[in-house]
N, C-alpha and C. Protein backbone atom coordinates (compact mmCIF):
# COMPACT_ATOMS: atom_id res chain seq x y z
N MET A 1 14.48 15.68 0.14
CA MET A 1 14.19 14.60 -0.37
C MET A 1 13.06 14.24 -1.01
N LYS A 2 13.13 13.05 -1.85
CA LYS A 2 11.95 12.81 -3.01
C LYS A 2 10.83 12.26 -2.29
N PRO A 3 9.51 12.57 -2.31
CA PRO A 3 8.42 12.52 -1.78
C PRO A 3 8.32 10.70 -2.04
N ILE A 4 7.31 10.33 -1.24
CA ILE A 4 7.17 8.93 -1.08
C ILE A 4 5.68 8.75 -1.37
N LEU A 5 5.00 8.00 -2.08
CA LEU A 5 3.75 7.97 -2.38
C LEU A 5 3.05 6.65 -1.79
N PHE A 6 2.52 6.78 -0.73
CA PHE A 6 1.61 5.29 -0.19
C PHE A 6 0.12 4.97 -0.87
N ALA A 7 -0.17 3.72 -0.98
CA ALA A 7 -1.66 3.76 -1.47
C ALA A 7 -2.35 2.48 -0.12
N PHE A 8 -3.21 3.56 0.41
CA PHE A 8 -3.95 2.80 1.65
C PHE A 8 -5.20 1.77 0.95
N GLY A 9 -5.24 0.72 1.27
CA GLY A 9 -6.68 -0.09 0.92
C GLY A 9 -7.44 0.08 1.84
N LEU A 10 -8.75 1.09 1.44
CA LEU A 10 -9.62 1.49 2.34
C LEU A 10 -11.42 1.00 2.00
N SER A 11 -12.05 0.80 3.01
CA SER A 11 -13.17 0.57 2.76
C SER A 11 -14.18 2.11 2.18
N ASN A 12 -15.36 2.15 1.78
CA ASN A 12 -16.09 3.44 1.92
C ASN A 12 -16.17 4.21 3.00
N GLU A 13 -15.98 3.49 4.18
CA GLU A 13 -16.22 4.16 5.35
C GLU A 13 -15.02 4.79 6.06
N ASN A 14 -13.83 4.90 5.12
CA ASN A 14 -12.60 5.32 5.40
C ASN A 14 -12.07 4.48 6.24
N ILE A 15 -12.06 3.48 6.49
CA ILE A 15 -11.14 2.58 7.58
C ILE A 15 -10.28 1.24 6.61
N PHE A 16 -9.02 0.91 7.20
CA PHE A 16 -8.47 -0.03 6.36
C PHE A 16 -9.60 -1.60 6.57
N THR A 17 -9.81 -1.94 5.10
CA THR A 17 -10.33 -3.22 5.39
C THR A 17 -10.04 -4.49 5.54
N THR A 18 -10.73 -5.59 6.09
CA THR A 18 -10.22 -6.64 6.33
C THR A 18 -9.79 -7.69 5.02
N ASP A 19 -10.57 -7.21 4.27
CA ASP A 19 -10.10 -7.61 2.90
C ASP A 19 -8.89 -7.35 2.09
N PHE A 20 -8.37 -8.37 1.47
CA PHE A 20 -7.06 -8.23 0.96
C PHE A 20 -7.06 -6.78 0.02
N PHE A 21 -5.69 -6.43 -0.43
CA PHE A 21 -5.50 -5.05 -0.64
C PHE A 21 -6.08 -4.91 -2.16
N GLY A 22 -6.20 -5.51 -2.96
CA GLY A 22 -6.89 -5.67 -4.16
C GLY A 22 -8.29 -5.59 -4.14
N ALA A 23 -9.02 -5.95 -2.92
CA ALA A 23 -10.64 -5.99 -2.65
C ALA A 23 -10.95 -4.70 -2.03
N SER A 24 -10.05 -3.99 -1.51
CA SER A 24 -10.43 -2.32 -0.97
C SER A 24 -11.42 -1.85 -1.71
N ASP A 25 -12.61 -0.99 -1.46
CA ASP A 25 -13.20 -0.17 -2.30
C ASP A 25 -12.54 0.85 -2.76
N LYS A 26 -11.46 1.52 -2.30
CA LYS A 26 -10.80 2.69 -2.68
C LYS A 26 -9.30 2.50 -2.46
N PHE A 27 -8.61 3.43 -3.22
CA PHE A 27 -7.21 3.55 -2.66
C PHE A 27 -6.87 5.02 -2.47
N VAL A 28 -6.74 5.32 -1.32
CA VAL A 28 -6.05 6.57 -0.77
C VAL A 28 -4.82 6.94 -0.97
N ILE A 29 -4.31 7.82 -1.57
CA ILE A 29 -2.82 8.11 -2.00
C ILE A 29 -2.52 9.21 -0.79
N TYR A 30 -1.79 8.67 -0.25
CA TYR A 30 -0.97 9.82 0.53
C TYR A 30 0.48 10.18 0.24
N GLU A 31 1.03 11.23 0.42
CA GLU A 31 2.15 11.72 0.06
C GLU A 31 3.19 12.18 1.32
N PHE A 32 4.27 11.24 1.50
CA PHE A 32 4.98 11.63 2.66
C PHE A 32 6.43 12.69 2.22
N SER A 33 6.46 13.28 2.74
CA SER A 33 7.57 14.49 2.29
C SER A 33 7.97 15.43 3.35
N GLU A 34 9.07 15.87 3.58
CA GLU A 34 9.86 16.42 4.66
C GLU A 34 9.29 16.41 6.22
N GLY A 35 8.91 15.02 6.36
CA GLY A 35 8.56 14.41 7.52
C GLY A 35 7.14 14.82 8.11
N LYS A 36 6.54 15.37 6.73
CA LYS A 36 4.93 15.25 6.92
C LYS A 36 4.06 14.47 5.73
N SER A 37 2.82 14.13 5.90
CA SER A 37 2.22 13.29 5.09
C SER A 37 1.10 14.28 4.81
N THR A 38 0.41 13.96 3.41
CA THR A 38 -0.81 14.91 2.90
C THR A 38 -1.37 13.70 2.20
N LYS A 39 -2.69 13.75 2.32
CA LYS A 39 -3.84 13.16 1.64
C LYS A 39 -3.80 13.77 0.31
N LYS A 40 -3.42 12.80 -0.72
CA LYS A 40 -3.37 13.67 -2.02
C LYS A 40 -4.70 13.20 -3.18
N GLU A 41 -5.11 12.01 -2.90
CA GLU A 41 -6.06 11.48 -4.06
C GLU A 41 -6.79 10.50 -3.48
N GLU A 42 -7.99 10.16 -3.94
CA GLU A 42 -8.58 9.06 -3.44
C GLU A 42 -9.15 8.54 -4.98
N VAL A 43 -8.65 7.17 -4.85
CA VAL A 43 -9.16 6.49 -6.66
C VAL A 43 -10.13 4.97 -6.10
N PRO A 44 -11.02 5.38 -6.85
CA PRO A 44 -12.09 4.16 -6.50
C PRO A 44 -11.40 2.72 -7.25
N ASN A 45 -11.71 1.64 -6.35
CA ASN A 45 -11.11 0.37 -7.08
C ASN A 45 -12.13 0.07 -8.09
N PRO A 46 -11.52 -0.01 -9.60
CA PRO A 46 -12.43 -0.38 -10.52
C PRO A 46 -13.10 -1.73 -10.33
N PHE A 47 -12.79 -2.59 -9.95
CA PHE A 47 -13.09 -3.98 -9.36
C PHE A 47 -14.09 -4.49 -8.44
N HIS A 48 -14.02 -3.05 -7.30
CA HIS A 48 -14.71 -3.69 -5.95
C HIS A 48 -16.39 -3.78 -6.33
N ARG A 49 -16.63 -4.93 -5.87
CA ARG A 49 -18.45 -5.00 -6.23
C ARG A 49 -18.63 -5.00 -7.80
N SER A 50 -17.83 -5.33 -8.28
CA SER A 50 -18.13 -4.95 -10.04
C SER A 50 -18.61 -6.05 -10.32
N SER A 51 -19.77 -6.08 -11.52
CA SER A 51 -20.24 -7.22 -12.05
C SER A 51 -19.55 -8.07 -12.94
N ASP A 52 -18.58 -6.98 -13.67
CA ASP A 52 -17.57 -7.22 -14.67
C ASP A 52 -16.34 -7.93 -14.06
N LYS A 53 -16.27 -9.19 -13.72
CA LYS A 53 -15.33 -9.87 -13.16
C LYS A 53 -14.39 -10.26 -13.90
N PRO A 54 -12.81 -9.82 -13.94
CA PRO A 54 -11.96 -9.81 -14.95
C PRO A 54 -11.25 -11.36 -14.38
N GLY A 55 -10.26 -11.61 -14.85
CA GLY A 55 -9.19 -12.78 -14.17
C GLY A 55 -8.47 -12.21 -13.28
N ILE A 56 -7.96 -12.90 -12.51
CA ILE A 56 -6.88 -12.40 -11.29
C ILE A 56 -5.72 -11.45 -11.84
N SER A 57 -5.31 -12.18 -12.83
CA SER A 57 -3.93 -11.47 -13.36
C SER A 57 -4.29 -10.29 -14.29
N GLU A 58 -5.43 -10.02 -14.90
CA GLU A 58 -6.07 -8.91 -15.37
C GLU A 58 -6.23 -7.68 -14.37
N LYS A 59 -7.04 -8.41 -13.33
CA LYS A 59 -7.23 -7.34 -12.47
C LYS A 59 -5.78 -7.02 -11.65
N ARG A 60 -5.01 -7.81 -11.40
CA ARG A 60 -3.82 -7.14 -10.57
C ARG A 60 -3.20 -6.24 -11.82
N GLU A 61 -2.78 -6.71 -13.12
CA GLU A 61 -2.33 -5.61 -14.23
C GLU A 61 -2.80 -4.39 -13.89
N ILE A 62 -4.41 -4.28 -14.00
CA ILE A 62 -4.75 -3.08 -14.01
C ILE A 62 -4.73 -2.41 -12.75
N ILE A 63 -4.82 -3.05 -11.69
CA ILE A 63 -4.54 -2.24 -10.38
C ILE A 63 -3.02 -1.89 -10.14
N VAL A 64 -2.13 -2.52 -10.66
CA VAL A 64 -0.66 -2.15 -10.78
C VAL A 64 -0.59 -0.96 -11.71
N SER A 65 -0.96 -0.73 -12.75
CA SER A 65 -1.05 0.02 -13.64
C SER A 65 -1.55 1.48 -13.09
N LEU A 66 -2.54 1.00 -12.29
CA LEU A 66 -3.33 2.37 -11.53
C LEU A 66 -2.72 3.14 -10.90
N LEU A 67 -1.90 2.23 -10.05
CA LEU A 67 -1.37 2.67 -8.68
C LEU A 67 0.46 3.21 -9.28
N GLN A 68 0.91 2.58 -10.14
CA GLN A 68 2.09 3.02 -10.85
C GLN A 68 1.90 4.32 -11.58
N SER A 69 0.86 4.35 -12.43
CA SER A 69 0.58 5.96 -12.93
C SER A 69 0.72 7.07 -11.98
N ARG A 70 0.31 6.61 -10.71
CA ARG A 70 0.03 7.67 -9.48
C ARG A 70 1.74 7.69 -8.83
N ASN A 71 2.64 7.27 -9.49
CA ASN A 71 4.12 6.69 -8.71
C ASN A 71 3.85 6.51 -7.42
N VAL A 72 3.02 5.34 -6.95
CA VAL A 72 2.69 4.96 -5.78
C VAL A 72 4.01 3.67 -5.67
N SER A 73 4.80 4.10 -4.32
CA SER A 73 5.96 3.20 -4.31
C SER A 73 5.54 2.22 -3.13
N VAL A 74 4.41 2.19 -2.33
CA VAL A 74 4.27 1.75 -1.22
C VAL A 74 2.79 1.35 -0.94
N LEU A 75 2.54 0.10 -0.74
CA LEU A 75 1.01 -0.68 -0.33
C LEU A 75 0.56 -0.63 0.93
N VAL A 76 -0.03 -0.42 1.74
CA VAL A 76 -0.49 -0.56 2.89
C VAL A 76 -1.89 -1.00 3.08
N SER A 77 -1.86 -2.24 3.88
CA SER A 77 -3.16 -2.90 4.14
C SER A 77 -3.29 -3.82 5.00
N ARG A 78 -4.37 -4.28 5.48
CA ARG A 78 -4.48 -5.05 6.95
C ARG A 78 -4.34 -6.73 6.29
N GLN A 79 -4.16 -6.67 4.99
CA GLN A 79 -4.20 -7.75 4.62
C GLN A 79 -3.55 -8.02 3.05
N PHE A 80 -2.90 -8.68 2.52
CA PHE A 80 -2.49 -9.16 1.34
C PHE A 80 -2.83 -10.40 0.93
N SER A 81 -3.18 -10.64 -0.48
CA SER A 81 -3.24 -11.94 -1.22
C SER A 81 -1.97 -12.44 -1.75
N LYS A 82 -1.98 -13.82 -2.14
CA LYS A 82 -0.88 -14.42 -2.78
C LYS A 82 -0.13 -13.34 -3.98
N ASN A 83 -1.16 -12.65 -4.49
CA ASN A 83 -0.68 -11.83 -5.60
C ASN A 83 0.58 -10.91 -5.21
N LEU A 84 0.44 -10.77 -3.76
CA LEU A 84 1.70 -9.85 -3.22
C LEU A 84 3.07 -10.39 -3.89
N ARG A 85 3.30 -11.66 -4.03
CA ARG A 85 4.71 -12.21 -4.18
C ARG A 85 4.77 -11.43 -5.87
N LEU A 86 3.83 -11.30 -6.70
CA LEU A 86 3.93 -11.00 -8.26
C LEU A 86 4.25 -9.67 -8.53
N VAL A 87 3.95 -8.80 -7.21
CA VAL A 87 4.06 -7.34 -7.46
C VAL A 87 5.26 -6.81 -6.62
N ASN A 88 5.91 -7.64 -5.82
CA ASN A 88 7.04 -7.51 -5.07
C ASN A 88 7.93 -6.50 -5.11
N ASP A 89 8.13 -6.78 -6.73
CA ASP A 89 9.63 -5.54 -7.19
C ASP A 89 8.93 -4.38 -7.50
N LEU A 90 7.67 -4.49 -7.52
CA LEU A 90 7.14 -3.00 -7.97
C LEU A 90 6.69 -2.15 -6.50
N PHE A 91 6.52 -3.02 -5.59
CA PHE A 91 5.88 -1.94 -4.44
C PHE A 91 6.80 -2.67 -3.08
N ILE A 92 6.69 -1.52 -1.98
CA ILE A 92 6.99 -2.15 -0.81
C ILE A 92 5.81 -2.31 -0.15
N PRO A 93 5.40 -3.43 0.52
CA PRO A 93 4.26 -3.79 1.13
C PRO A 93 4.12 -3.46 2.66
N VAL A 94 3.23 -2.89 3.44
CA VAL A 94 3.14 -2.62 4.61
C VAL A 94 1.78 -3.16 5.19
N LEU A 95 2.30 -4.11 5.96
CA LEU A 95 0.98 -4.64 6.80
C LEU A 95 0.77 -3.92 8.04
N ILE A 96 -0.28 -3.52 8.44
CA ILE A 96 -0.77 -2.84 9.58
C ILE A 96 -1.75 -3.60 10.54
N GLU A 97 -1.86 -3.08 11.51
CA GLU A 97 -2.86 -3.79 12.49
C GLU A 97 -4.20 -2.86 12.85
N LYS A 98 -4.11 -1.66 13.03
CA LYS A 98 -5.01 -0.55 13.00
C LYS A 98 -5.97 -0.29 11.92
N GLU A 99 -7.24 0.14 12.15
CA GLU A 99 -8.22 0.12 10.94
C GLU A 99 -8.23 1.67 10.57
N ASN A 100 -7.73 2.78 11.55
CA ASN A 100 -7.94 4.24 11.39
C ASN A 100 -6.59 4.33 10.58
N PRO A 101 -6.80 5.23 9.43
CA PRO A 101 -5.58 5.89 8.55
C PRO A 101 -5.13 7.14 9.05
N GLU A 102 -5.54 7.33 10.11
CA GLU A 102 -5.24 8.69 10.73
C GLU A 102 -3.64 8.36 11.75
N GLN A 103 -3.98 7.12 12.61
CA GLN A 103 -3.04 6.27 13.47
C GLN A 103 -2.09 5.61 12.88
N VAL A 104 -2.65 5.03 11.45
CA VAL A 104 -1.35 4.67 10.59
C VAL A 104 -0.72 5.21 9.94
N VAL A 105 -1.02 6.66 9.56
CA VAL A 105 0.03 7.82 9.00
C VAL A 105 1.06 8.20 10.08
N GLU A 106 0.45 8.59 11.47
CA GLU A 106 1.53 8.38 12.45
C GLU A 106 2.17 7.47 12.56
N ILE A 107 2.00 6.63 12.58
CA ILE A 107 3.38 5.37 12.67
C ILE A 107 4.14 5.34 11.56
N LEU A 108 3.51 5.62 10.35
CA LEU A 108 4.43 5.48 9.03
C LEU A 108 5.46 6.96 9.29
N GLU A 109 4.80 7.87 9.67
CA GLU A 109 5.85 9.33 9.90
C GLU A 109 6.80 8.74 10.72
N LYS A 110 6.88 8.06 11.77
CA LYS A 110 7.45 7.82 12.91
C LYS A 110 8.84 6.66 12.18
N ASN A 111 8.23 6.01 11.55
CA ASN A 111 8.92 5.00 10.98
C ASN A 111 9.38 5.11 9.40
N ILE A 112 9.22 6.29 8.79
CA ILE A 112 9.54 6.44 7.50
C ILE A 112 10.82 6.25 7.22
N LYS A 113 12.06 6.57 7.79
CA LYS A 113 13.34 5.88 7.52
C LYS A 113 13.47 4.49 7.26
N TRP A 114 12.60 3.47 7.71
CA TRP A 114 12.78 2.11 7.16
C TRP A 114 12.58 1.98 6.12
N ILE A 115 11.28 2.68 5.37
CA ILE A 115 10.81 2.81 4.15
C ILE A 115 11.76 3.40 2.90
N ARG A 116 12.41 4.36 3.48
CA ARG A 116 13.41 5.14 2.62
C ARG A 116 14.54 4.50 2.37
N ASP A 117 15.00 3.64 3.41
CA ASP A 117 16.09 2.68 3.31
C ASP A 117 15.94 1.43 2.29
N GLU A 118 14.84 1.20 2.37
CA GLU A 118 14.33 0.00 1.63
C GLU A 118 14.13 0.32 0.17
N LEU A 119 13.64 1.55 0.02
CA LEU A 119 13.54 2.06 -1.33
C LEU A 119 14.81 2.43 -1.82
N LYS A 120 15.48 2.63 -1.18
CA LYS A 120 16.96 3.16 -1.76
C LYS A 120 18.35 2.02 -1.74
N SER A 121 17.94 0.82 -1.08
CA SER A 121 18.86 -0.33 -1.06
C SER A 121 18.60 -1.15 -1.83
N ARG A 122 17.21 -1.70 -1.98
CA ARG A 122 16.65 -3.19 -2.85
C ARG A 122 16.70 -2.68 -3.99
N LYS A 123 17.01 -3.64 -4.84
CA LYS A 123 16.79 -3.55 -6.43
C LYS A 123 15.67 -4.27 -6.84
N SER A 124 15.50 -5.29 -5.94
CA SER A 124 14.22 -6.21 -6.22
C SER A 124 13.93 -6.84 -5.18
N GLY A 125 12.76 -7.53 -5.12
CA GLY A 125 12.11 -8.14 -4.02
C GLY A 125 12.20 -7.42 -2.69
N HIS A 126 11.12 -6.44 -2.64
CA HIS A 126 11.34 -5.59 -1.29
C HIS A 126 11.01 -6.72 -0.21
N MET A 127 11.30 -6.05 1.01
CA MET A 127 10.77 -6.66 2.24
C MET A 127 9.39 -6.29 2.47
N LEU A 128 8.61 -7.00 3.50
CA LEU A 128 7.26 -6.89 3.67
C LEU A 128 7.35 -6.19 5.33
N PHE A 129 7.05 -4.81 5.32
CA PHE A 129 6.79 -4.04 6.72
C PHE A 129 5.42 -4.77 7.60
N ARG A 130 5.78 -5.22 8.72
CA ARG A 130 4.62 -5.23 9.45
C ARG A 130 4.85 -4.34 10.48
N ILE A 131 3.75 -3.80 10.96
CA ILE A 131 3.66 -2.59 11.53
C ILE A 131 2.47 -2.83 12.76
N LYS A 132 2.93 -2.87 14.09
CA LYS A 132 2.26 -2.90 15.13
C LYS A 132 2.42 -1.69 16.30
N THR A 133 3.21 -2.05 16.90
CA THR A 133 3.69 -0.92 17.55
C THR A 133 5.20 -0.40 17.36
N GLY A 134 5.65 -1.18 16.66
CA GLY A 134 7.00 -1.22 15.61
C GLY A 134 7.10 -1.56 14.53
N VAL A 135 8.38 -1.82 14.12
CA VAL A 135 8.24 -2.19 12.80
C VAL A 135 9.28 -3.56 12.69
N LEU A 136 8.72 -4.74 11.86
CA LEU A 136 9.60 -5.68 11.42
C LEU A 136 9.64 -6.07 10.36
N LYS A 137 10.65 -6.19 9.61
CA LYS A 137 10.79 -6.52 7.93
C LYS A 137 10.97 -8.02 8.04
N LEU A 138 10.20 -8.48 6.82
CA LEU A 138 10.15 -10.04 6.58
C LEU A 138 10.35 -10.28 5.23
N ALA A 139 11.13 -11.20 4.92
CA ALA A 139 11.14 -11.59 3.35
C ALA A 139 9.85 -11.98 2.78
N ILE A 140 9.72 -11.89 1.63
CA ILE A 140 8.43 -12.31 1.10
C ILE A 140 8.80 -13.70 0.29
N ASN A 141 8.50 -14.72 0.55
CA ASN A 141 9.15 -16.07 -0.19
C ASN A 141 7.84 -16.26 -1.23
């Protein structure tokens, strides 16, 4: 099966931030393949705490380009902004409650079938996955 690349929005302390995905200190890329996950790369968020404040649409475009250049398909965060509606055709968003990435990796590994099904069956407008102890798919309006 083709690997799936996930971008986790983390703080410099390596936990999920309570900020929006685009305000994370860094994006940590995980590859899910053959039932296992591997941490692949850490990418600093070029706009976190930057004195060079671009417009929202410019920031969104640059972050999207950064993640697409690394073949990311899924965004994982504790919170997303309204921009999520504008990138919904490009990424599957996954909302999580845990702050520890290792715990989230375990949960994603157990539920990877849902993500694979979404990638395979949806042509546009991905569903939002909310992960607590289980998985719930919600439409993004």
